[in-house]
Protein backbone atom coordinates (compact mmCIF):
# COMPACT_ATOMS: atom_id res chain seq x y z
CA GLY A 1 23.61 24.80 51.90
CA GLY A 2 21.95 28.11 51.04
CA ARG A 3 25.19 30.11 51.14
CA ARG A 4 28.06 30.81 48.79
CA PHE A 5 31.50 29.60 49.80
CA LEU A 6 35.01 29.27 48.45
CA GLU A 7 35.27 26.04 46.48
CA ALA A 8 38.87 25.42 47.58
CA ASP A 9 37.99 25.87 51.28
CA MET A 10 34.34 25.43 52.17
CA ASP A 11 34.89 26.99 55.58
CA VAL A 12 35.40 30.37 53.90
CA SER A 13 32.15 32.13 53.07
CA CYS A 14 32.11 34.40 50.00
CA ASP A 15 30.47 37.00 52.23
CA SER A 16 33.27 36.93 54.82
CA VAL A 17 35.86 39.61 55.51
CA GLU A 18 38.60 37.03 54.87
CA TYR A 19 37.31 36.40 51.34
CA LEU A 20 36.94 40.10 50.59
CA ALA A 21 40.43 40.86 51.93
CA SER A 22 42.07 38.14 49.84
CA GLY A 23 40.12 39.18 46.75
CA LEU A 24 40.90 42.88 47.05
CA GLY A 25 44.31 42.51 48.61
CA LEU A 26 45.77 39.75 46.48
CA ALA A 27 43.64 38.77 43.49
CA VAL A 28 42.85 42.21 42.05
CA PRO A 29 46.42 43.57 42.35
CA SER A 30 47.81 40.33 40.84
CA LEU A 31 45.46 40.60 37.88
CA MET A 32 46.37 44.24 37.41
CA VAL A 33 50.13 43.66 37.58
CA TYR A 34 50.44 40.35 35.74
CA GLY A 35 47.44 40.44 33.44
CA ILE A 36 47.53 44.08 32.43
CA GLY A 37 50.64 45.79 33.79
CA ILE A 38 53.40 43.64 32.35
CA PRO A 39 51.98 43.37 28.81
CA LEU A 40 51.12 47.08 28.86
CA SER A 41 54.60 48.09 29.97
CA TYR A 42 56.18 45.91 27.25
CA PHE A 43 53.78 47.34 24.67
CA LEU A 44 54.52 50.96 25.60
CA ARG A 45 58.29 50.37 25.65
CA MET A 46 58.31 48.52 22.32
CA ARG A 47 56.04 51.13 20.70
CA GLU A 48 58.43 53.88 21.81
CA LEU A 49 61.45 51.97 20.50
CA ARG A 50 59.64 51.36 17.20
CA LYS A 51 58.81 55.07 16.84
CA GLN A 52 62.48 55.85 17.40
CA GLY A 53 63.51 53.15 14.90
CA LYS A 54 65.47 51.30 17.58
CA LEU A 55 63.34 48.18 18.10
CA GLU A 56 65.59 46.01 15.93
CA GLN A 57 68.63 47.20 17.97
CA GLU A 58 66.90 45.93 21.13
CA ARG A 59 66.36 42.43 19.75
CA ALA A 60 68.46 40.93 22.56
CA VAL A 61 65.93 42.23 25.10
CA TYR A 62 62.59 42.21 23.25
CA GLY A 63 63.25 39.87 20.35
CA TYR A 64 61.33 36.98 21.91
CA LEU A 65 58.20 39.15 21.62
CA PHE A 66 58.46 40.09 17.94
CA SER A 67 60.95 37.87 16.09
CA GLY A 68 58.44 35.59 14.35
CA TYR A 69 56.19 38.40 13.17
CA GLY A 70 56.27 40.85 10.29
CA SER A 71 57.65 44.32 11.07
CA GLU A 72 54.15 45.83 11.13
CA HIS A 73 52.97 43.17 13.59
CA TRP A 74 55.55 43.66 16.34
CA TRP A 75 52.64 43.95 18.83
CA TYR A 76 51.06 40.57 18.14
CA GLU A 77 52.68 38.54 20.94
CA LEU A 78 51.47 41.11 23.44
CA TRP A 79 47.99 40.82 21.90
CA ASN A 80 48.21 37.04 22.48
CA SER A 81 48.96 37.64 26.17
CA ILE A 82 46.00 39.96 26.55
CA ARG A 83 43.81 37.59 24.51
CA LYS A 84 44.57 34.75 26.92
CA ALA A 85 43.93 36.95 29.96
CA LEU A 86 40.60 38.13 28.48
CA PHE A 87 39.56 34.58 27.65
CA THR A 88 40.34 33.36 31.16
CA GLY A 89 38.77 36.41 32.81
CA VAL A 90 35.51 36.17 30.89
CA THR A 91 35.09 32.47 31.64
CA ILE A 92 35.78 33.08 35.33
CA LEU A 93 33.42 36.07 35.51
CA LEU A 94 30.66 34.09 33.81
CA THR A 95 31.01 31.08 36.14
CA PRO A 96 28.00 32.07 38.29
CA MET A 97 25.83 32.15 35.15
CA GLY A 98 26.59 28.53 34.33
CA PRO A 99 28.53 26.59 31.72
CA ALA A 100 26.30 27.61 28.80
CA MET A 101 26.96 31.32 29.36
CA GLN A 102 30.66 30.64 29.87
CA ALA A 103 30.77 28.83 26.53
CA TRP A 104 28.80 31.56 24.73
CA GLY A 105 31.04 34.28 26.18
CA ALA A 106 34.19 32.36 25.27
CA LEU A 107 32.83 31.65 21.78
CA LEU A 108 32.02 35.32 21.22
CA LEU A 109 35.53 36.33 22.30
CA LEU A 110 37.06 33.62 20.14
CA VAL A 111 35.23 34.90 17.06
CA GLY A 112 36.67 38.36 17.79
CA PHE A 113 40.15 36.88 18.17
CA ILE A 114 39.79 35.04 14.87
CA ILE A 115 38.77 38.27 13.12
CA VAL A 116 41.81 40.13 14.53
CA PHE A 117 44.08 37.29 13.47
CA LEU A 118 42.66 37.05 9.95
CA ARG A 119 43.05 40.80 9.43
CA ALA A 120 46.59 40.85 10.83
CA ALA A 121 48.09 37.59 9.43
CA PRO A 122 51.08 38.47 11.60
CA TYR A 123 53.59 35.68 10.97
CA LEU A 124 56.46 36.04 8.53
CA GLN A 125 56.01 32.46 7.38
CA GLY A 126 52.73 31.82 5.55
CA TRP A 127 52.43 28.28 6.89
CA LEU A 128 52.45 29.64 10.45
CA ASN A 129 49.51 31.90 9.60
CA GLU A 130 47.67 28.89 8.19
CA LEU A 131 48.50 26.78 11.23
CA GLU A 132 47.32 29.46 13.68
CA ARG A 133 44.14 30.02 11.64
CA ASP A 134 43.39 26.30 11.72
CA ALA A 135 44.10 26.07 15.45
CA LEU A 136 41.72 28.94 16.19
CA ALA A 137 39.07 27.35 13.95
CA VAL A 138 39.43 24.03 15.80
CA ASP A 139 39.11 25.89 19.12
CA ALA A 140 35.89 27.55 17.94
CA GLU A 141 34.49 24.29 16.57
CA THR A 142 35.32 22.40 19.76
CA LEU A 143 33.71 25.09 21.91
CA PHE A 144 30.61 25.22 19.70
CA LEU A 145 30.17 21.44 19.60
CA GLY A 146 30.75 21.22 23.37
CA LEU A 147 28.05 23.83 23.84
CA ALA A 148 25.73 21.82 21.59
CA LEU A 149 26.37 18.69 23.67
CA PHE A 150 25.75 20.58 26.90
CA LEU A 151 22.53 22.17 25.67
CA ASN A 152 21.26 18.85 24.32
CA ASP A 153 21.99 17.20 27.66
CA THR A 154 20.19 19.90 29.65
CA ASN A 155 17.03 19.76 27.50
CA ALA A 156 13.86 18.21 28.83
CA ALA A 157 13.59 14.47 28.21
CA ASP A 158 11.32 14.90 25.18
CA ALA A 159 13.75 17.36 23.53
CA LYS A 160 16.97 15.37 24.11
CA SER A 161 18.44 13.48 21.21
CA ASP A 162 20.91 10.68 21.70
CA GLU A 163 21.50 10.62 17.94
CA ILE A 164 22.52 14.30 17.92
CA ALA A 165 24.78 13.70 20.92
CA ILE A 166 26.49 10.83 19.09
CA MET A 167 26.89 12.83 15.87
CA VAL A 168 28.27 15.85 17.70
CA SER A 169 30.65 13.65 19.69
CA LEU A 170 31.91 11.95 16.55
CA THR A 171 32.36 15.29 14.82
């Protein structure tokens, strides 16, 4: 209709005071507290305990964050939290640019996440490292092939290929 509006409630214009108030009053503080604040506070506390050599003594409190990882990778679960928040945030921020840009942004982040994981190999059990590596590879492949399907579908009629779409879908 020539104007931007909230998808959940089409009576609310994105240019309205109500939208701005909810975005600045609720959304931004929630992202700061839950997306950044909680993982950051856990990270700082655990880093301090590790420097003091007391992290293992605090297993009852923080053990769920580091128990499956090697001693040098105590931070990895917090990285996973931030990784998920970044992934979600980038795809939401790129929504106005369309699905192709969302997929490219997510794929670029995913490659970075894979690199961090491969360098860290954080799990104590080798098979868990292999499983996580394979899961990240499947995520990247799925995202890439989905992008290929989308781009093929949005091509002009003379550039579309049903055969490529079938092959990508089967893959």
